[in-house]
Amino acid sequence: MQEDREISRFQRPAVVTGLALLCCAVWGSAFPFIKLGYQLMKIDDSGSQILYGGLRFLLAGLMTLAFAAVSRRGHICIPASSLPAICGQGLLQTTAQYVFYYIGLAHCASSKSAVINTSYTFFAIIIAHFVIKGERMDWRKTLGCILGFGGIVVMNMKDGGLSGEVSLIGEGFILIGSIAYGASCVTLKLLARREDTTMLTAGQLIFGSLVMLLIGWLMGGRLSVFNLVTTLLLLYLAAASSVAFTIWSLLLKYNSTGRVTIFGFSIPVFGVGYSALLLKEEVFSFRNLAALLLVCAGILAANAAPRMKKMPHDAG
């Protein structure tokens, strides 16, 4: 009975919307803070960026594990049978996504990367269509994706378009990272059917980050300039990832992939808002307001389907 109440709670439209937007707002705040961290720690090469990301996600995984230990009074356990799945999820969701993203970002304009990165929503919905029973593409999801992606394109258009050359190591790597993240949203939902979502989140973050640290070190990355400010900044980024990934995992467990991932289009919108507050950038333009309206319309369109029946526990 208690489990049924939990399932029902995480399927309520207001709860899904509120928690999904909370996750996206947290992830959106990471953009300016990561840039600030790079500046303060004098990070200007891909190896060091991957090392920084690896340390961030390792701390996030340990924080998630610590939270589970405290809330469960020390009764935490990851069965040996779950390790292959958790390690695979870590490689896909944390390592592949962020290694390709950080390398690509160093060779691609930020406006382009923002547009390409949001394409993970398309990949998540399309992959779920073929992999998860009951998550078929329909006109609402298609319209939602078109409107949401259109909003991100409009927001990043300058001088009439997104110009510039295209390269495999730049735009190509960011696209590969987006595909990895879209696929990981689907595998996460599948794994959440039988795994403890909190332990799954902690395990995949820890394993994926350890691989990132190894890759960053092999690429010659180094971290220095640790002080109170840079340490607090890194701890915030880690805590943000820990909280957001845990909540996102719960939402994917109890709802369809498309219903949750469509909110990802709001991440760049939040990023622009934080840039205005923290970096004093001018954001109140017709272009940005139009983009915000398109993103909101996309989210509403994708969630306008008739209310879904309660999903059985074994189906997420």
C-alpha atoms as a PDB file:
ATOM      1  CA  MET A   1       0.000   0.000   0.000  1.00  0.00           C
ATOM      2  CA  GLN A   2       2.790   2.418   0.916  1.00  0.00           C
ATOM      3  CA  GLU A   3       4.618   1.562  -2.316  1.00  0.00           C
ATOM      4  CA  ASP A   4       1.429   2.207  -4.323  1.00  0.00           C
ATOM      5  CA  ARG A   5       1.116   5.635  -2.681  1.00  0.00           C
ATOM      6  CA  GLU A   6       4.718   6.430  -3.630  1.00  0.00           C
ATOM      7  CA  ILE A   7       4.084   5.422  -7.241  1.00  0.00           C
ATOM      8  CA  SER A   8       0.927   7.536  -7.359  1.00  0.00           C
ATOM      9  CA  ARG A   9       2.723  10.535  -5.844  1.00  0.00           C
ATOM     10  CA  PHE A  10       5.531  10.521  -8.405  1.00  0.00           C
ATOM     11  CA  GLN A  11       3.017  10.273 -11.262  1.00  0.00           C
ATOM     12  CA  ARG A  12       0.982  13.346 -10.318  1.00  0.00           C
ATOM     13  CA  PRO A  13       1.324  16.032 -13.041  1.00  0.00           C
ATOM     14  CA  ALA A  14       2.136  18.794 -10.535  1.00  0.00           C
ATOM     15  CA  VAL A  15       4.792  16.645  -8.842  1.00  0.00           C
ATOM     16  CA  VAL A  16       6.366  15.559 -12.135  1.00  0.00           C
ATOM     17  CA  THR A  17       6.437  19.131 -13.413  1.00  0.00           C
ATOM     18  CA  GLY A  18       7.798  20.601 -10.195  1.00  0.00           C
ATOM     19  CA  LEU A  19      10.523  18.007  -9.634  1.00  0.00           C
ATOM     20  CA  ALA A  20      11.559  17.861 -13.314  1.00  0.00           C
ATOM     21  CA  LEU A  21      11.876  21.651 -13.476  1.00  0.00           C
ATOM     22  CA  LEU A  22      13.803  21.603 -10.195  1.00  0.00           C
ATOM     23  CA  CYS A  23      16.314  19.157 -11.719  1.00  0.00           C
ATOM     24  CA  CYS A  24      16.623  21.259 -14.859  1.00  0.00           C
ATOM     25  CA  ALA A  25      17.065  24.441 -12.838  1.00  0.00           C
ATOM     26  CA  VAL A  26      19.858  22.803 -10.860  1.00  0.00           C
ATOM     27  CA  TRP A  27      21.551  21.517 -14.026  1.00  0.00           C
ATOM     28  CA  GLY A  28      21.101  24.927 -15.654  1.00  0.00           C
ATOM     29  CA  SER A  29      22.965  26.548 -12.760  1.00  0.00           C
ATOM     30  CA  ALA A  30      25.947  24.310 -13.451  1.00  0.00           C
ATOM     31  CA  PHE A  31      26.876  26.094 -16.694  1.00  0.00           C
ATOM     32  CA  PRO A  32      28.006  29.436 -15.188  1.00  0.00           C
ATOM     33  CA  PHE A  33      29.476  27.754 -12.103  1.00  0.00           C
ATOM     34  CA  ILE A  34      31.558  25.341 -14.198  1.00  0.00           C
ATOM     35  CA  LYS A  35      32.875  28.263 -16.233  1.00  0.00           C
ATOM     36  CA  LEU A  36      33.677  30.084 -13.003  1.00  0.00           C
ATOM     37  CA  GLY A  37      35.444  27.002 -11.679  1.00  0.00           C
ATOM     38  CA  TYR A  38      37.554  26.771 -14.842  1.00  0.00           C
ATOM     39  CA  GLN A  39      38.563  30.407 -14.450  1.00  0.00           C
ATOM     40  CA  LEU A  40      39.410  30.181 -10.760  1.00  0.00           C
ATOM     41  CA  MET A  41      41.391  26.943 -11.160  1.00  0.00           C
ATOM     42  CA  LYS A  42      42.999  28.044 -14.439  1.00  0.00           C
ATOM     43  CA  ILE A  43      41.668  25.026 -16.355  1.00  0.00           C
ATOM     44  CA  ASP A  44      42.077  25.441 -20.102  1.00  0.00           C
ATOM     45  CA  ASP A  45      42.669  21.950 -21.562  1.00  0.00           C
ATOM     46  CA  SER A  46      40.398  18.950 -22.188  1.00  0.00           C
ATOM     47  CA  GLY A  47      42.288  16.607 -19.871  1.00  0.00           C
ATOM     48  CA  SER A  48      41.939  18.943 -16.893  1.00  0.00           C
ATOM     49  CA  GLN A  49      38.270  19.585 -17.726  1.00  0.00           C
ATOM     50  CA  ILE A  50      37.563  15.838 -17.723  1.00  0.00           C
ATOM     51  CA  LEU A  51      39.527  15.496 -14.479  1.00  0.00           C
ATOM     52  CA  TYR A  52      37.474  18.303 -12.926  1.00  0.00           C
ATOM     53  CA  GLY A  53      34.239  16.659 -14.077  1.00  0.00           C
ATOM     54  CA  GLY A  54      35.387  13.286 -12.778  1.00  0.00           C
ATOM     55  CA  LEU A  55      36.123  14.726  -9.347  1.00  0.00           C
ATOM     56  CA  ARG A  56      32.744  16.475  -9.332  1.00  0.00           C
ATOM     57  CA  PHE A  57      30.814  13.287 -10.117  1.00  0.00           C
ATOM     58  CA  LEU A  58      32.877  11.164  -7.737  1.00  0.00           C
ATOM     59  CA  LEU A  59      31.944  13.530  -4.913  1.00  0.00           C
ATOM     60  CA  ALA A  60      28.321  13.451  -6.127  1.00  0.00           C
ATOM     61  CA  GLY A  61      28.289   9.646  -5.980  1.00  0.00           C
ATOM     62  CA  LEU A  62      29.813   9.602  -2.509  1.00  0.00           C
ATOM     63  CA  MET A  63      27.279  12.195  -1.309  1.00  0.00           C
ATOM     64  CA  THR A  64      24.420  10.065  -2.645  1.00  0.00           C
ATOM     65  CA  LEU A  65      25.864   7.012  -0.932  1.00  0.00           C
ATOM     66  CA  ALA A  66      26.279   8.922   2.341  1.00  0.00           C
ATOM     67  CA  PHE A  67      22.685  10.160   2.170  1.00  0.00           C
ATOM     68  CA  ALA A  68      21.454   6.608   1.673  1.00  0.00           C
ATOM     69  CA  ALA A  69      23.542   5.385   4.608  1.00  0.00           C
ATOM     70  CA  VAL A  70      22.193   8.066   6.944  1.00  0.00           C
ATOM     71  CA  SER A  71      18.545   7.782   5.854  1.00  0.00           C
ATOM     72  CA  ARG A  72      18.655   3.983   6.112  1.00  0.00           C
ATOM     73  CA  ARG A  73      20.687   3.892   9.305  1.00  0.00           C
ATOM     74  CA  GLY A  74      23.619   2.199   7.663  1.00  0.00           C
ATOM     75  CA  HIS A  75      21.592  -0.505   5.929  1.00  0.00           C
ATOM     76  CA  ILE A  76      22.918  -0.122   2.399  1.00  0.00           C
ATOM     77  CA  CYS A  77      23.975  -2.859   0.034  1.00  0.00           C
ATOM     78  CA  ILE A  78      24.739  -3.260  -3.658  1.00  0.00           C
ATOM     79  CA  PRO A  79      24.328  -6.924  -4.639  1.00  0.00           C
ATOM     80  CA  ALA A  80      27.145  -8.400  -6.706  1.00  0.00           C
ATOM     81  CA  SER A  81      24.593  -9.311  -9.366  1.00  0.00           C
ATOM     82  CA  SER A  82      23.830  -5.612  -9.835  1.00  0.00           C
ATOM     83  CA  LEU A  83      27.432  -4.516 -10.427  1.00  0.00           C
ATOM     84  CA  PRO A  84      27.579  -5.227 -14.201  1.00  0.00           C
ATOM     85  CA  ALA A  85      24.415  -3.186 -14.814  1.00  0.00           C
ATOM     86  CA  ILE A  86      25.558  -0.341 -12.562  1.00  0.00           C
ATOM     87  CA  CYS A  87      29.003  -0.206 -14.183  1.00  0.00           C
ATOM     88  CA  GLY A  88      27.449  -0.244 -17.652  1.00  0.00           C
ATOM     89  CA  GLN A  89      25.115   2.589 -16.682  1.00  0.00           C
ATOM     90  CA  GLY A  90      28.049   4.553 -15.281  1.00  0.00           C
ATOM     91  CA  LEU A  91      30.015   4.164 -18.507  1.00  0.00           C
ATOM     92  CA  LEU A  92      27.049   5.325 -20.574  1.00  0.00           C
ATOM     93  CA  GLN A  93      25.456   8.016 -18.403  1.00  0.00           C
ATOM     94  CA  THR A  94      28.532   9.559 -16.780  1.00  0.00           C
ATOM     95  CA  THR A  95      31.716   8.605 -18.643  1.00  0.00           C
ATOM     96  CA  ALA A  96      30.613   8.593 -22.288  1.00  0.00           C
ATOM     97  CA  GLN A  97      28.273  11.552 -21.978  1.00  0.00           C
ATOM     98  CA  TYR A  98      30.662  13.906 -20.222  1.00  0.00           C
ATOM     99  CA  VAL A  99      33.983  12.869 -21.789  1.00  0.00           C
ATOM    100  CA  PHE A 100      32.595  13.472 -25.277  1.00  0.00           C
ATOM    101  CA  TYR A 101      30.819  16.636 -24.122  1.00  0.00           C
ATOM    102  CA  TYR A 102      33.862  18.219 -22.464  1.00  0.00           C
ATOM    103  CA  ILE A 103      36.161  17.460 -25.400  1.00  0.00           C
ATOM    104  CA  GLY A 104      33.554  18.646 -27.904  1.00  0.00           C
ATOM    105  CA  LEU A 105      32.899  21.828 -25.955  1.00  0.00           C
ATOM    106  CA  ALA A 106      36.556  22.780 -26.266  1.00  0.00           C
ATOM    107  CA  HIS A 107      36.223  22.667 -30.083  1.00  0.00           C
ATOM    108  CA  CYS A 108      32.718  24.057 -30.553  1.00  0.00           C
ATOM    109  CA  ALA A 109      30.985  27.370 -29.959  1.00  0.00           C
ATOM    110  CA  SER A 110      28.855  27.402 -26.813  1.00  0.00           C
ATOM    111  CA  SER A 111      25.732  28.401 -28.781  1.00  0.00           C
ATOM    112  CA  LYS A 112      26.060  25.368 -31.028  1.00  0.00           C
ATOM    113  CA  SER A 113      26.812  23.043 -28.131  1.00  0.00           C
ATOM    114  CA  ALA A 114      23.664  24.189 -26.320  1.00  0.00           C
ATOM    115  CA  VAL A 115      21.534  23.385 -29.366  1.00  0.00           C
ATOM    116  CA  ILE A 116      23.159  20.020 -30.059  1.00  0.00           C
ATOM    117  CA  ASN A 117      23.171  18.951 -26.400  1.00  0.00           C
ATOM    118  CA  THR A 118      19.397  19.309 -26.032  1.00  0.00           C
ATOM    119  CA  SER A 119      18.944  16.774 -28.841  1.00  0.00           C
ATOM    120  CA  TYR A 120      19.277  14.032 -26.195  1.00  0.00           C
ATOM    121  CA  THR A 121      15.542  14.429 -25.654  1.00  0.00           C
ATOM    122  CA  PHE A 122      14.896  13.287 -29.233  1.00  0.00           C
ATOM    123  CA  PHE A 123      17.169  10.285 -28.842  1.00  0.00           C
ATOM    124  CA  ALA A 124      15.635   9.275 -25.494  1.00  0.00           C
ATOM    125  CA  ILE A 125      12.092   9.352 -26.869  1.00  0.00           C
ATOM    126  CA  ILE A 126      13.026   7.603 -30.127  1.00  0.00           C
ATOM    127  CA  ILE A 127      15.053   4.850 -28.403  1.00  0.00           C
ATOM    128  CA  ALA A 128      12.267   4.328 -25.844  1.00  0.00           C
ATOM    129  CA  HIS A 129       9.823   3.917 -28.746  1.00  0.00           C
ATOM    130  CA  PHE A 130      11.702   0.817 -29.905  1.00  0.00           C
ATOM    131  CA  VAL A 131      12.877  -0.548 -26.552  1.00  0.00           C
ATOM    132  CA  ILE A 132      10.161   0.050 -23.956  1.00  0.00           C
ATOM    133  CA  LYS A 133       6.691  -1.363 -24.457  1.00  0.00           C
ATOM    134  CA  GLY A 134       3.974   1.253 -24.159  1.00  0.00           C
ATOM    135  CA  GLU A 135       6.204   4.247 -24.969  1.00  0.00           C
ATOM    136  CA  ARG A 136       5.248   4.752 -28.584  1.00  0.00           C
ATOM    137  CA  MET A 137       5.893   8.022 -30.387  1.00  0.00           C
ATOM    138  CA  ASP A 138       2.725  10.019 -31.039  1.00  0.00           C
ATOM    139  CA  TRP A 139       1.914  13.420 -32.485  1.00  0.00           C
ATOM    140  CA  ARG A 140       2.000  15.089 -29.056  1.00  0.00           C
ATOM    141  CA  LYS A 141       5.536  13.939 -28.289  1.00  0.00           C
ATOM    142  CA  THR A 142       6.654  14.809 -31.812  1.00  0.00           C
ATOM    143  CA  LEU A 143       5.139  18.285 -31.606  1.00  0.00           C
ATOM    144  CA  GLY A 144       6.640  18.794 -28.151  1.00  0.00           C
ATOM    145  CA  CYS A 145      10.127  17.906 -29.395  1.00  0.00           C
ATOM    146  CA  ILE A 146       9.821  20.174 -32.429  1.00  0.00           C
ATOM    147  CA  LEU A 147       8.631  23.148 -30.356  1.00  0.00           C
ATOM    148  CA  GLY A 148      11.182  22.601 -27.587  1.00  0.00           C
ATOM    149  CA  PHE A 149      14.109  22.144 -29.934  1.00  0.00           C
ATOM    150  CA  GLY A 150      12.901  25.106 -31.979  1.00  0.00           C
ATOM    151  CA  GLY A 151      13.017  27.235 -28.850  1.00  0.00           C
ATOM    152  CA  ILE A 152      16.641  26.299 -28.166  1.00  0.00           C
ATOM    153  CA  VAL A 153      17.591  27.063 -31.780  1.00  0.00           C
ATOM    154  CA  VAL A 154      15.860  30.465 -31.616  1.00  0.00           C
ATOM    155  CA  MET A 155      17.542  31.292 -28.304  1.00  0.00           C
ATOM    156  CA  ASN A 156      20.989  30.588 -29.752  1.00  0.00           C
ATOM    157  CA  MET A 157      20.524  32.292 -33.117  1.00  0.00           C
ATOM    158  CA  LYS A 158      22.750  35.298 -33.683  1.00  0.00           C
ATOM    159  CA  ASP A 159      22.937  37.431 -36.799  1.00  0.00           C
ATOM    160  CA  GLY A 160      20.308  35.296 -38.459  1.00  0.00           C
ATOM    161  CA  GLY A 161      21.709  31.841 -37.833  1.00  0.00           C
ATOM    162  CA  LEU A 162      24.222  29.445 -36.296  1.00  0.00           C
ATOM    163  CA  SER A 163      27.180  29.771 -38.591  1.00  0.00           C
ATOM    164  CA  GLY A 164      30.592  28.167 -38.494  1.00  0.00           C
ATOM    165  CA  GLU A 165      32.385  25.009 -39.524  1.00  0.00           C
ATOM    166  CA  VAL A 166      31.410  21.547 -38.343  1.00  0.00           C
ATOM    167  CA  SER A 167      33.994  19.064 -37.059  1.00  0.00           C
ATOM    168  CA  LEU A 168      33.902  15.538 -35.685  1.00  0.00           C
ATOM    169  CA  ILE A 169      35.863  16.426 -32.552  1.00  0.00           C
ATOM    170  CA  GLY A 170      33.643  19.438 -31.916  1.00  0.00           C
ATOM    171  CA  GLU A 171      30.001  19.199 -32.911  1.00  0.00           C
ATOM    172  CA  GLY A 172      30.371  15.472 -33.611  1.00  0.00           C
ATOM    173  CA  PHE A 173      31.580  14.667 -30.091  1.00  0.00           C
ATOM    174  CA  ILE A 174      28.814  16.720 -28.499  1.00  0.00           C
ATOM    175  CA  LEU A 175      26.271  14.824 -30.595  1.00  0.00           C
ATOM    176  CA  ILE A 176      27.787  11.489 -29.503  1.00  0.00           C
ATOM    177  CA  GLY A 177      27.551  12.609 -25.872  1.00  0.00           C
ATOM    178  CA  SER A 178      23.904  13.563 -26.404  1.00  0.00           C
ATOM    179  CA  ILE A 179      23.139  10.161 -27.920  1.00  0.00           C
ATOM    180  CA  ALA A 180      24.828   8.493 -24.933  1.00  0.00           C
ATOM    181  CA  TYR A 181      22.742  10.502 -22.483  1.00  0.00           C
ATOM    182  CA  GLY A 182      19.514   9.870 -24.390  1.00  0.00           C
ATOM    183  CA  ALA A 183      20.240   6.140 -24.389  1.00  0.00           C
ATOM    184  CA  SER A 184      21.143   6.257 -20.679  1.00  0.00           C
ATOM    185  CA  CYS A 185      17.718   7.715 -19.838  1.00  0.00           C
ATOM    186  CA  VAL A 186      16.155   4.611 -21.383  1.00  0.00           C
ATOM    187  CA  THR A 187      18.546   2.129 -19.746  1.00  0.00           C
ATOM    188  CA  LEU A 188      18.082   3.926 -16.435  1.00  0.00           C
ATOM    189  CA  LYS A 189      14.336   3.390 -16.639  1.00  0.00           C
ATOM    190  CA  LEU A 190      14.824  -0.280 -17.479  1.00  0.00           C
ATOM    191  CA  LEU A 191      17.275  -0.802 -14.614  1.00  0.00           C
ATOM    192  CA  ALA A 192      15.046   1.078 -12.166  1.00  0.00           C
ATOM    193  CA  ARG A 193      12.465  -1.693 -12.545  1.00  0.00           C
ATOM    194  CA  ARG A 194      14.618  -4.016 -10.468  1.00  0.00           C
ATOM    195  CA  GLU A 195      17.305  -1.831  -8.840  1.00  0.00           C
ATOM    196  CA  ASP A 196      17.244   0.547  -5.885  1.00  0.00           C
ATOM    197  CA  THR A 197      17.275   3.947  -7.640  1.00  0.00           C
ATOM    198  CA  THR A 198      19.371   5.677  -4.984  1.00  0.00           C
ATOM    199  CA  MET A 199      22.029   2.975  -4.964  1.00  0.00           C
ATOM    200  CA  LEU A 200      21.912   2.823  -8.757  1.00  0.00           C
ATOM    201  CA  THR A 201      22.545   6.570  -8.939  1.00  0.00           C
ATOM    202  CA  ALA A 202      25.385   6.415  -6.421  1.00  0.00           C
ATOM    203  CA  GLY A 203      27.001   3.381  -8.035  1.00  0.00           C
ATOM    204  CA  GLN A 204      26.899   4.644 -11.601  1.00  0.00           C
ATOM    205  CA  LEU A 205      28.236   8.077 -10.574  1.00  0.00           C
ATOM    206  CA  ILE A 206      31.137   6.575  -8.645  1.00  0.00           C
ATOM    207  CA  PHE A 207      32.157   4.069 -11.323  1.00  0.00           C
ATOM    208  CA  GLY A 208      31.643   6.459 -14.239  1.00  0.00           C
ATOM    209  CA  SER A 209      33.608   9.216 -12.490  1.00  0.00           C
ATOM    210  CA  LEU A 210      36.532   6.905 -11.687  1.00  0.00           C
ATOM    211  CA  VAL A 211      36.836   6.113 -15.399  1.00  0.00           C
ATOM    212  CA  MET A 212      36.674   9.850 -16.148  1.00  0.00           C
ATOM    213  CA  LEU A 213      39.464  10.522 -13.664  1.00  0.00           C
ATOM    214  CA  LEU A 214      41.611   7.885 -15.325  1.00  0.00           C
ATOM    215  CA  ILE A 215      40.950   9.302 -18.800  1.00  0.00           C
ATOM    216  CA  GLY A 216      41.639  12.868 -17.661  1.00  0.00           C
ATOM    217  CA  TRP A 217      44.907  11.814 -15.998  1.00  0.00           C
ATOM    218  CA  LEU A 218      46.030   9.870 -19.086  1.00  0.00           C
ATOM    219  CA  MET A 219      45.312  12.972 -21.194  1.00  0.00           C
ATOM    220  CA  GLY A 220      47.703  14.948 -19.020  1.00  0.00           C
ATOM    221  CA  GLY A 221      45.054  16.768 -17.010  1.00  0.00           C
ATOM    222  CA  ARG A 222      46.052  18.364 -13.728  1.00  0.00           C
ATOM    223  CA  LEU A 223      44.118  20.239 -11.043  1.00  0.00           C
ATOM    224  CA  SER A 224      45.565  22.958  -8.838  1.00  0.00           C
ATOM    225  CA  VAL A 225      44.562  26.229  -7.158  1.00  0.00           C
ATOM    226  CA  PHE A 226      42.442  24.548  -4.501  1.00  0.00           C
ATOM    227  CA  ASN A 227      41.230  27.056  -1.917  1.00  0.00           C
ATOM    228  CA  LEU A 228      38.062  27.720   0.081  1.00  0.00           C
ATOM    229  CA  VAL A 229      36.183  29.284  -2.830  1.00  0.00           C
ATOM    230  CA  THR A 230      37.075  26.632  -5.437  1.00  0.00           C
ATOM    231  CA  THR A 231      36.389  23.838  -2.945  1.00  0.00           C
ATOM    232  CA  LEU A 232      32.946  25.206  -2.033  1.00  0.00           C
ATOM    233  CA  LEU A 233      32.174  25.651  -5.720  1.00  0.00           C
ATOM    234  CA  LEU A 234      33.126  22.043  -6.465  1.00  0.00           C
ATOM    235  CA  LEU A 235      31.058  20.806  -3.521  1.00  0.00           C
ATOM    236  CA  TYR A 236      28.028  22.733  -4.786  1.00  0.00           C
ATOM    237  CA  LEU A 237      28.360  21.226  -8.263  1.00  0.00           C
ATOM    238  CA  ALA A 238      28.681  17.757  -6.728  1.00  0.00           C
ATOM    239  CA  ALA A 239      25.660  18.251  -4.457  1.00  0.00           C
ATOM    240  CA  ALA A 240      23.626  19.572  -7.393  1.00  0.00           C
ATOM    241  CA  SER A 241      24.415  16.460  -9.438  1.00  0.00           C
ATOM    242  CA  SER A 242      23.661  14.154  -6.513  1.00  0.00           C
ATOM    243  CA  VAL A 243      20.236  15.647  -5.817  1.00  0.00           C
ATOM    244  CA  ALA A 244      19.194  16.138  -9.442  1.00  0.00           C
ATOM    245  CA  PHE A 245      20.251  12.694 -10.691  1.00  0.00           C
ATOM    246  CA  THR A 246      18.512  10.964  -7.765  1.00  0.00           C
ATOM    247  CA  ILE A 247      15.231  12.808  -8.358  1.00  0.00           C
ATOM    248  CA  TRP A 248      15.490  12.340 -12.139  1.00  0.00           C
ATOM    249  CA  SER A 249      15.957   8.597 -11.631  1.00  0.00           C
ATOM    250  CA  LEU A 250      12.787   8.400  -9.537  1.00  0.00           C
ATOM    251  CA  LEU A 251      10.791  10.329 -12.126  1.00  0.00           C
ATOM    252  CA  LEU A 252      11.984   8.035 -14.927  1.00  0.00           C
ATOM    253  CA  LYS A 253      11.172   5.002 -12.801  1.00  0.00           C
ATOM    254  CA  TYR A 254       7.511   5.904 -12.379  1.00  0.00           C
ATOM    255  CA  ASN A 255       6.776   7.790 -15.623  1.00  0.00           C
ATOM    256  CA  SER A 256       7.280   7.393 -19.347  1.00  0.00           C
ATOM    257  CA  THR A 257      10.619   8.493 -20.742  1.00  0.00           C
ATOM    258  CA  GLY A 258       9.112  11.137 -23.019  1.00  0.00           C
ATOM    259  CA  ARG A 259       7.023  12.665 -20.250  1.00  0.00           C
ATOM    260  CA  VAL A 260      10.149  13.357 -18.189  1.00  0.00           C
ATOM    261  CA  THR A 261      12.917  14.028 -20.711  1.00  0.00           C
ATOM    262  CA  ILE A 262      10.892  16.699 -22.557  1.00  0.00           C
ATOM    263  CA  PHE A 263      11.629  19.018 -19.619  1.00  0.00           C
ATOM    264  CA  GLY A 264      15.301  18.887 -20.613  1.00  0.00           C
ATOM    265  CA  PHE A 265      14.609  21.632 -23.147  1.00  0.00           C
ATOM    266  CA  SER A 266      14.281  24.045 -20.212  1.00  0.00           C
ATOM    267  CA  ILE A 267      17.901  23.538 -19.062  1.00  0.00           C
ATOM    268  CA  PRO A 268      19.431  26.113 -21.455  1.00  0.00           C
ATOM    269  CA  VAL A 269      16.626  28.527 -20.537  1.00  0.00           C
ATOM    270  CA  PHE A 270      17.574  28.256 -16.873  1.00  0.00           C
ATOM    271  CA  GLY A 271      21.221  28.593 -17.896  1.00  0.00           C
ATOM    272  CA  VAL A 272      20.473  31.911 -19.580  1.00  0.00           C
ATOM    273  CA  GLY A 273      18.627  33.093 -16.473  1.00  0.00           C
ATOM    274  CA  TYR A 274      21.522  32.221 -14.191  1.00  0.00           C
ATOM    275  CA  SER A 275      23.930  33.951 -16.567  1.00  0.00           C
ATOM    276  CA  ALA A 276      21.833  37.099 -16.238  1.00  0.00           C
ATOM    277  CA  LEU A 277      21.925  36.921 -12.434  1.00  0.00           C
ATOM    278  CA  LEU A 278      25.532  35.838 -11.931  1.00  0.00           C
ATOM    279  CA  LEU A 279      27.342  37.173 -14.994  1.00  0.00           C
ATOM    280  CA  LYS A 280      25.171  40.260 -15.526  1.00  0.00           C
ATOM    281  CA  GLU A 281      24.410  39.291 -19.108  1.00  0.00           C
ATOM    282  CA  GLU A 282      21.528  40.918 -20.968  1.00  0.00           C
ATOM    283  CA  VAL A 283      18.874  38.272 -21.576  1.00  0.00           C
ATOM    284  CA  PHE A 284      15.574  40.142 -21.810  1.00  0.00           C
ATOM    285  CA  SER A 285      15.306  40.177 -25.569  1.00  0.00           C
ATOM    286  CA  PHE A 286      12.559  39.238 -27.997  1.00  0.00           C
ATOM    287  CA  ARG A 287      14.608  36.215 -29.098  1.00  0.00           C
ATOM    288  CA  ASN A 288      14.945  34.804 -25.582  1.00  0.00           C
ATOM    289  CA  LEU A 289      11.303  35.446 -24.690  1.00  0.00           C
ATOM    290  CA  ALA A 290      10.189  33.725 -27.908  1.00  0.00           C
ATOM    291  CA  ALA A 291      12.455  30.794 -27.102  1.00  0.00           C
ATOM    292  CA  LEU A 292      10.981  30.522 -23.600  1.00  0.00           C
ATOM    293  CA  LEU A 293       7.439  30.447 -25.011  1.00  0.00           C
ATOM    294  CA  LEU A 294       8.381  27.723 -27.515  1.00  0.00           C
ATOM    295  CA  VAL A 295      10.002  25.579 -24.805  1.00  0.00           C
ATOM    296  CA  CYS A 296       6.964  25.944 -22.532  1.00  0.00           C
ATOM    297  CA  ALA A 297       4.631  25.120 -25.426  1.00  0.00           C
ATOM    298  CA  GLY A 298       6.697  22.015 -26.219  1.00  0.00           C
ATOM    299  CA  ILE A 299       6.500  20.782 -22.636  1.00  0.00           C
ATOM    300  CA  LEU A 300       2.735  21.373 -22.515  1.00  0.00           C
ATOM    301  CA  ALA A 301       2.223  19.639 -25.862  1.00  0.00           C
ATOM    302  CA  ALA A 302       4.166  16.539 -24.841  1.00  0.00           C
ATOM    303  CA  ASN A 303       2.245  16.285 -21.580  1.00  0.00           C
ATOM    304  CA  ALA A 304      -1.180  16.968 -23.071  1.00  0.00           C
ATOM    305  CA  ALA A 305      -1.864  13.294 -23.689  1.00  0.00           C
ATOM    306  CA  PRO A 306      -4.775  11.708 -21.837  1.00  0.00           C
ATOM    307  CA  ARG A 307      -3.884  10.880 -18.256  1.00  0.00           C
ATOM    308  CA  MET A 308      -1.887   7.679 -18.151  1.00  0.00           C
ATOM    309  CA  LYS A 309      -2.962   4.660 -16.186  1.00  0.00           C
ATOM    310  CA  LYS A 310      -0.898   3.865 -13.153  1.00  0.00           C
ATOM    311  CA  MET A 311       2.205   2.050 -14.206  1.00  0.00           C
ATOM    312  CA  PRO A 312       2.737  -1.285 -12.469  1.00  0.00           C
ATOM    313  CA  HIS A 313       5.820  -1.413 -10.273  1.00  0.00           C
ATOM    314  CA  ASP A 314       7.593  -3.996 -12.381  1.00  0.00           C
ATOM    315  CA  ALA A 315       7.264  -1.700 -15.410  1.00  0.00           C
ATOM    316  CA  GLY A 316       8.851   1.264 -13.666  1.00  0.00           C
END
